Amino acid sequence: MTGDFRLAPARVGDLAAVMRVMEAAFDPAYGEAWSRAQLLTLFALPSARVCLAWDGAEPCGFSAARMAGPESELLLIAVDPEWRGRGVGKALMADWQGWASAEGAEEYFLEMRADNDAVHLYERSGFSECGRRKDYYRGGDGAIRDAITMRRTSRTAITR
């Protein structure tokens, strides 16, 4: 790892790189990782975008999002554990919101497991809780967890 990374829109040919990050970043106990087939559907949607973070030729993070009218939803964001704390997640969040804004987004949404540490990244990116689904996630560890829906408008301030 060089310490530097670059972001680029992902293409179907990058599916293996996205899956490499997915497998490293998502704990199987929570059952949140997507399959190759699920990811492939995103590449076919003109209203969706997958962005990859690269350290040279090695993938170190990705985001997947979609547009729905004036709203954009972050479907997935993942950073390889070796790259966490280096600004990759923050850069992917900014990239998603920049893309969505250019596509006409006025509101941004994401959903997360209630005990996910990524909440700090989302809050720093201007998101706040707007809803909760009780007992939504049923992980492979047998635990049942709530889902939190978070929202940000184009007028919401981003903290550092």
C-alpha atoms as a PDB file:
ATOM      1  CA  MET A   1       0.000   0.000   0.000  1.00  0.00           C
ATOM      2  CA  THR A   2       1.395   3.326  -1.054  1.00  0.00           C
ATOM      3  CA  GLY A   3      -0.910   5.494   1.047  1.00  0.00           C
ATOM      4  CA  ASP A   4      -2.353   7.155  -2.046  1.00  0.00           C
ATOM      5  CA  PHE A   5      -5.496   6.056  -3.804  1.00  0.00           C
ATOM      6  CA  ARG A   6      -7.557   7.114  -6.781  1.00  0.00           C
ATOM      7  CA  LEU A   7     -11.279   6.816  -7.520  1.00  0.00           C
ATOM      8  CA  ALA A   8     -12.745   5.691 -10.831  1.00  0.00           C
ATOM      9  CA  PRO A   9     -16.161   4.535 -12.027  1.00  0.00           C
ATOM     10  CA  ALA A  10     -16.255   0.735 -12.094  1.00  0.00           C
ATOM     11  CA  ARG A  11     -17.192  -1.285 -15.156  1.00  0.00           C
ATOM     12  CA  VAL A  12     -18.413  -4.872 -15.509  1.00  0.00           C
ATOM     13  CA  GLY A  13     -14.805  -5.939 -16.034  1.00  0.00           C
ATOM     14  CA  ASP A  14     -14.033  -4.635 -12.531  1.00  0.00           C
ATOM     15  CA  LEU A  15     -16.482  -7.032 -10.871  1.00  0.00           C
ATOM     16  CA  ALA A  16     -13.692  -9.252  -9.483  1.00  0.00           C
ATOM     17  CA  ALA A  17     -12.035  -6.187  -7.901  1.00  0.00           C
ATOM     18  CA  VAL A  18     -15.323  -5.107  -6.300  1.00  0.00           C
ATOM     19  CA  MET A  19     -15.879  -8.627  -4.973  1.00  0.00           C
ATOM     20  CA  ARG A  20     -12.345  -8.726  -3.551  1.00  0.00           C
ATOM     21  CA  VAL A  21     -13.100  -5.619  -1.460  1.00  0.00           C
ATOM     22  CA  MET A  22     -16.562  -6.934  -0.559  1.00  0.00           C
ATOM     23  CA  GLU A  23     -15.149 -10.199   0.770  1.00  0.00           C
ATOM     24  CA  ALA A  24     -12.466  -8.413   2.799  1.00  0.00           C
ATOM     25  CA  ALA A  25     -14.726  -5.687   4.182  1.00  0.00           C
ATOM     26  CA  PHE A  26     -18.010  -7.381   5.096  1.00  0.00           C
ATOM     27  CA  ASP A  27     -18.093  -9.721   8.078  1.00  0.00           C
ATOM     28  CA  PRO A  28     -20.105 -12.808   7.036  1.00  0.00           C
ATOM     29  CA  ALA A  29     -21.726 -12.862  10.475  1.00  0.00           C
ATOM     30  CA  TYR A  30     -23.923  -9.940   9.432  1.00  0.00           C
ATOM     31  CA  GLY A  31     -25.023 -11.226   6.017  1.00  0.00           C
ATOM     32  CA  GLU A  32     -24.723  -7.788   4.362  1.00  0.00           C
ATOM     33  CA  ALA A  33     -22.430  -8.609   1.421  1.00  0.00           C
ATOM     34  CA  TRP A  34     -23.976  -8.794  -2.020  1.00  0.00           C
ATOM     35  CA  SER A  35     -23.470 -11.598  -4.498  1.00  0.00           C
ATOM     36  CA  ARG A  36     -21.842 -11.249  -7.912  1.00  0.00           C
ATOM     37  CA  ALA A  37     -25.284 -11.569  -9.513  1.00  0.00           C
ATOM     38  CA  GLN A  38     -26.697  -8.749  -7.373  1.00  0.00           C
ATOM     39  CA  LEU A  39     -23.794  -6.487  -8.307  1.00  0.00           C
ATOM     40  CA  LEU A  40     -24.126  -7.313 -11.993  1.00  0.00           C
ATOM     41  CA  THR A  41     -27.655  -5.906 -11.972  1.00  0.00           C
ATOM     42  CA  LEU A  42     -26.252  -2.508 -10.969  1.00  0.00           C
ATOM     43  CA  PHE A  43     -23.956  -2.364 -13.981  1.00  0.00           C
ATOM     44  CA  ALA A  44     -27.008  -2.800 -16.227  1.00  0.00           C
ATOM     45  CA  LEU A  45     -28.935   0.098 -14.681  1.00  0.00           C
ATOM     46  CA  PRO A  46     -28.371   3.522 -16.219  1.00  0.00           C
ATOM     47  CA  SER A  47     -29.494   5.069 -12.917  1.00  0.00           C
ATOM     48  CA  ALA A  48     -26.803   3.275 -10.861  1.00  0.00           C
ATOM     49  CA  ARG A  49     -23.093   3.812 -10.365  1.00  0.00           C
ATOM     50  CA  VAL A  50     -20.311   1.771  -8.803  1.00  0.00           C
ATOM     51  CA  CYS A  51     -17.102   3.600  -7.929  1.00  0.00           C
ATOM     52  CA  LEU A  52     -13.823   1.877  -7.056  1.00  0.00           C
ATOM     53  CA  ALA A  53     -10.950   3.186  -4.967  1.00  0.00           C
ATOM     54  CA  TRP A  54      -7.597   1.902  -6.207  1.00  0.00           C
ATOM     55  CA  ASP A  55      -4.136   1.720  -4.682  1.00  0.00           C
ATOM     56  CA  GLY A  56      -2.180   1.257  -7.885  1.00  0.00           C
ATOM     57  CA  ALA A  57      -3.618  -1.935  -9.366  1.00  0.00           C
ATOM     58  CA  GLU A  58      -5.154  -3.097  -6.066  1.00  0.00           C
ATOM     59  CA  PRO A  59      -8.749  -2.226  -5.151  1.00  0.00           C
ATOM     60  CA  CYS A  60      -9.106  -0.775  -1.646  1.00  0.00           C
ATOM     61  CA  GLY A  61     -12.751   0.354  -1.503  1.00  0.00           C
ATOM     62  CA  PHE A  62     -15.951   0.856  -3.453  1.00  0.00           C
ATOM     63  CA  SER A  63     -19.366   2.434  -3.309  1.00  0.00           C
ATOM     64  CA  ALA A  64     -22.579   1.550  -5.133  1.00  0.00           C
ATOM     65  CA  ALA A  65     -25.479   3.955  -5.466  1.00  0.00           C
ATOM     66  CA  ARG A  66     -28.548   4.641  -7.525  1.00  0.00           C
ATOM     67  CA  MET A  67     -30.797   7.514  -8.478  1.00  0.00           C
ATOM     68  CA  ALA A  68     -34.587   7.564  -8.147  1.00  0.00           C
ATOM     69  CA  GLY A  69     -35.974  10.913  -9.239  1.00  0.00           C
ATOM     70  CA  PRO A  70     -34.581  13.642  -6.973  1.00  0.00           C
ATOM     71  CA  GLU A  71     -33.296  11.054  -4.499  1.00  0.00           C
ATOM     72  CA  SER A  72     -30.111   9.028  -4.404  1.00  0.00           C
ATOM     73  CA  GLU A  73     -29.505   5.960  -2.273  1.00  0.00           C
ATOM     74  CA  LEU A  74     -26.160   4.584  -1.210  1.00  0.00           C
ATOM     75  CA  LEU A  75     -26.622   0.846  -1.597  1.00  0.00           C
ATOM     76  CA  LEU A  76     -23.178  -0.292  -0.459  1.00  0.00           C
ATOM     77  CA  ILE A  77     -19.916   1.192   0.674  1.00  0.00           C
ATOM     78  CA  ALA A  78     -16.906  -0.880   1.653  1.00  0.00           C
ATOM     79  CA  VAL A  79     -13.288  -0.224   2.508  1.00  0.00           C
ATOM     80  CA  ASP A  80     -10.691  -2.969   2.785  1.00  0.00           C
ATOM     81  CA  PRO A  81      -9.859  -3.256   6.519  1.00  0.00           C
ATOM     82  CA  GLU A  82      -6.184  -2.498   5.790  1.00  0.00           C
ATOM     83  CA  TRP A  83      -7.248   0.853   4.327  1.00  0.00           C
ATOM     84  CA  ARG A  84      -9.711   1.997   6.995  1.00  0.00           C
ATOM     85  CA  GLY A  85      -8.952   5.316   8.652  1.00  0.00           C
ATOM     86  CA  ARG A  86      -7.097   6.687   5.600  1.00  0.00           C
ATOM     87  CA  GLY A  87      -9.884   8.727   4.024  1.00  0.00           C
ATOM     88  CA  VAL A  88     -11.103   6.166   1.493  1.00  0.00           C
ATOM     89  CA  GLY A  89     -14.626   6.029   2.939  1.00  0.00           C
ATOM     90  CA  LYS A  90     -14.823   9.820   3.140  1.00  0.00           C
ATOM     91  CA  ALA A  91     -13.673  10.126  -0.489  1.00  0.00           C
ATOM     92  CA  LEU A  92     -16.201   7.522  -1.641  1.00  0.00           C
ATOM     93  CA  MET A  93     -18.998   9.335   0.216  1.00  0.00           C
ATOM     94  CA  ALA A  94     -18.026  12.647  -1.394  1.00  0.00           C
ATOM     95  CA  ASP A  95     -17.763  11.011  -4.823  1.00  0.00           C
ATOM     96  CA  TRP A  96     -21.242   9.469  -4.495  1.00  0.00           C
ATOM     97  CA  GLN A  97     -22.822  12.735  -3.430  1.00  0.00           C
ATOM     98  CA  GLY A  98     -21.008  14.673  -6.162  1.00  0.00           C
ATOM     99  CA  TRP A  99     -22.217  12.229  -8.821  1.00  0.00           C
ATOM    100  CA  ALA A 100     -25.763  12.232  -7.427  1.00  0.00           C
ATOM    101  CA  SER A 101     -25.855  16.018  -7.247  1.00  0.00           C
ATOM    102  CA  ALA A 102     -24.801  16.229 -10.905  1.00  0.00           C
ATOM    103  CA  GLU A 103     -27.644  13.791 -11.679  1.00  0.00           C
ATOM    104  CA  GLY A 104     -30.138  16.099  -9.908  1.00  0.00           C
ATOM    105  CA  ALA A 105     -30.302  14.631  -6.405  1.00  0.00           C
ATOM    106  CA  GLU A 106     -31.784  16.817  -3.703  1.00  0.00           C
ATOM    107  CA  GLU A 107     -31.924  14.139  -1.020  1.00  0.00           C
ATOM    108  CA  TYR A 108     -29.546  11.324  -0.151  1.00  0.00           C
ATOM    109  CA  PHE A 109     -30.414   8.167   1.746  1.00  0.00           C
ATOM    110  CA  LEU A 110     -28.625   5.159   3.141  1.00  0.00           C
ATOM    111  CA  GLU A 111     -29.529   2.275   5.398  1.00  0.00           C
ATOM    112  CA  MET A 112     -27.264   0.599   7.892  1.00  0.00           C
ATOM    113  CA  ARG A 113     -27.212  -1.986  10.636  1.00  0.00           C
ATOM    114  CA  ALA A 114     -27.865  -0.218  13.957  1.00  0.00           C
ATOM    115  CA  ASP A 115     -24.551  -1.306  15.498  1.00  0.00           C
ATOM    116  CA  ASN A 116     -22.403  -0.414  12.472  1.00  0.00           C
ATOM    117  CA  ASP A 117     -19.383   1.744  13.345  1.00  0.00           C
ATOM    118  CA  ALA A 118     -19.703   3.473   9.956  1.00  0.00           C
ATOM    119  CA  VAL A 119     -22.357   5.695  11.542  1.00  0.00           C
ATOM    120  CA  HIS A 120     -19.548   8.132  12.424  1.00  0.00           C
ATOM    121  CA  LEU A 121     -18.541   8.462   8.761  1.00  0.00           C
ATOM    122  CA  TYR A 122     -22.159   9.046   7.771  1.00  0.00           C
ATOM    123  CA  GLU A 123     -22.754  11.651  10.475  1.00  0.00           C
ATOM    124  CA  ARG A 124     -19.590  13.533   9.448  1.00  0.00           C
ATOM    125  CA  SER A 125     -20.969  13.450   5.898  1.00  0.00           C
ATOM    126  CA  GLY A 126     -24.103  15.297   7.050  1.00  0.00           C
ATOM    127  CA  PHE A 127     -26.462  12.356   7.546  1.00  0.00           C
ATOM    128  CA  SER A 128     -28.863  11.907  10.435  1.00  0.00           C
ATOM    129  CA  GLU A 129     -31.278   9.162  11.386  1.00  0.00           C
ATOM    130  CA  CYS A 130     -34.737   9.531   9.863  1.00  0.00           C
ATOM    131  CA  GLY A 131     -36.178   6.070  10.457  1.00  0.00           C
ATOM    132  CA  ARG A 132     -35.657   2.675  11.992  1.00  0.00           C
ATOM    133  CA  ARG A 133     -36.778  -0.830  11.057  1.00  0.00           C
ATOM    134  CA  LYS A 134     -37.035  -3.029  14.119  1.00  0.00           C
ATOM    135  CA  ASP A 135     -35.371  -6.467  13.873  1.00  0.00           C
ATOM    136  CA  TYR A 136     -34.552  -6.035  10.178  1.00  0.00           C
ATOM    137  CA  TYR A 137     -31.131  -7.661   9.879  1.00  0.00           C
ATOM    138  CA  ARG A 138     -30.808 -11.350  10.681  1.00  0.00           C
ATOM    139  CA  GLY A 139     -27.141 -12.201  10.620  1.00  0.00           C
ATOM    140  CA  GLY A 140     -25.381 -15.508  10.369  1.00  0.00           C
ATOM    141  CA  ASP A 141     -24.368 -15.060  14.012  1.00  0.00           C
ATOM    142  CA  GLY A 142     -28.008 -15.541  15.052  1.00  0.00           C
ATOM    143  CA  ALA A 143     -28.439 -11.971  16.295  1.00  0.00           C
ATOM    144  CA  ILE A 144     -31.274  -9.782  15.090  1.00  0.00           C
ATOM    145  CA  ARG A 145     -30.509  -6.095  14.614  1.00  0.00           C
ATOM    146  CA  ASP A 146     -32.438  -2.967  13.735  1.00  0.00           C
ATOM    147  CA  ALA A 147     -31.850  -1.105  10.483  1.00  0.00           C
ATOM    148  CA  ILE A 148     -31.361   2.642  10.609  1.00  0.00           C
ATOM    149  CA  THR A 149     -32.294   4.823   7.656  1.00  0.00           C
ATOM    150  CA  MET A 150     -30.251   7.997   7.383  1.00  0.00           C
ATOM    151  CA  ARG A 151     -30.948  11.067   5.270  1.00  0.00           C
ATOM    152  CA  ARG A 152     -29.142  14.151   4.086  1.00  0.00           C
ATOM    153  CA  THR A 153     -30.532  16.962   1.964  1.00  0.00           C
ATOM    154  CA  SER A 154     -28.517  19.040  -0.460  1.00  0.00           C
ATOM    155  CA  ARG A 155     -28.742  21.829   2.148  1.00  0.00           C
ATOM    156  CA  THR A 156     -27.325  19.764   5.030  1.00  0.00           C
ATOM    157  CA  ALA A 157     -23.928  20.927   6.263  1.00  0.00           C
ATOM    158  CA  ILE A 158     -21.062  18.447   6.218  1.00  0.00           C
ATOM    159  CA  THR A 159     -18.856  18.383   9.311  1.00  0.00           C
ATOM    160  CA  ARG A 160     -15.180  17.564   9.277  1.00  0.00           C
END
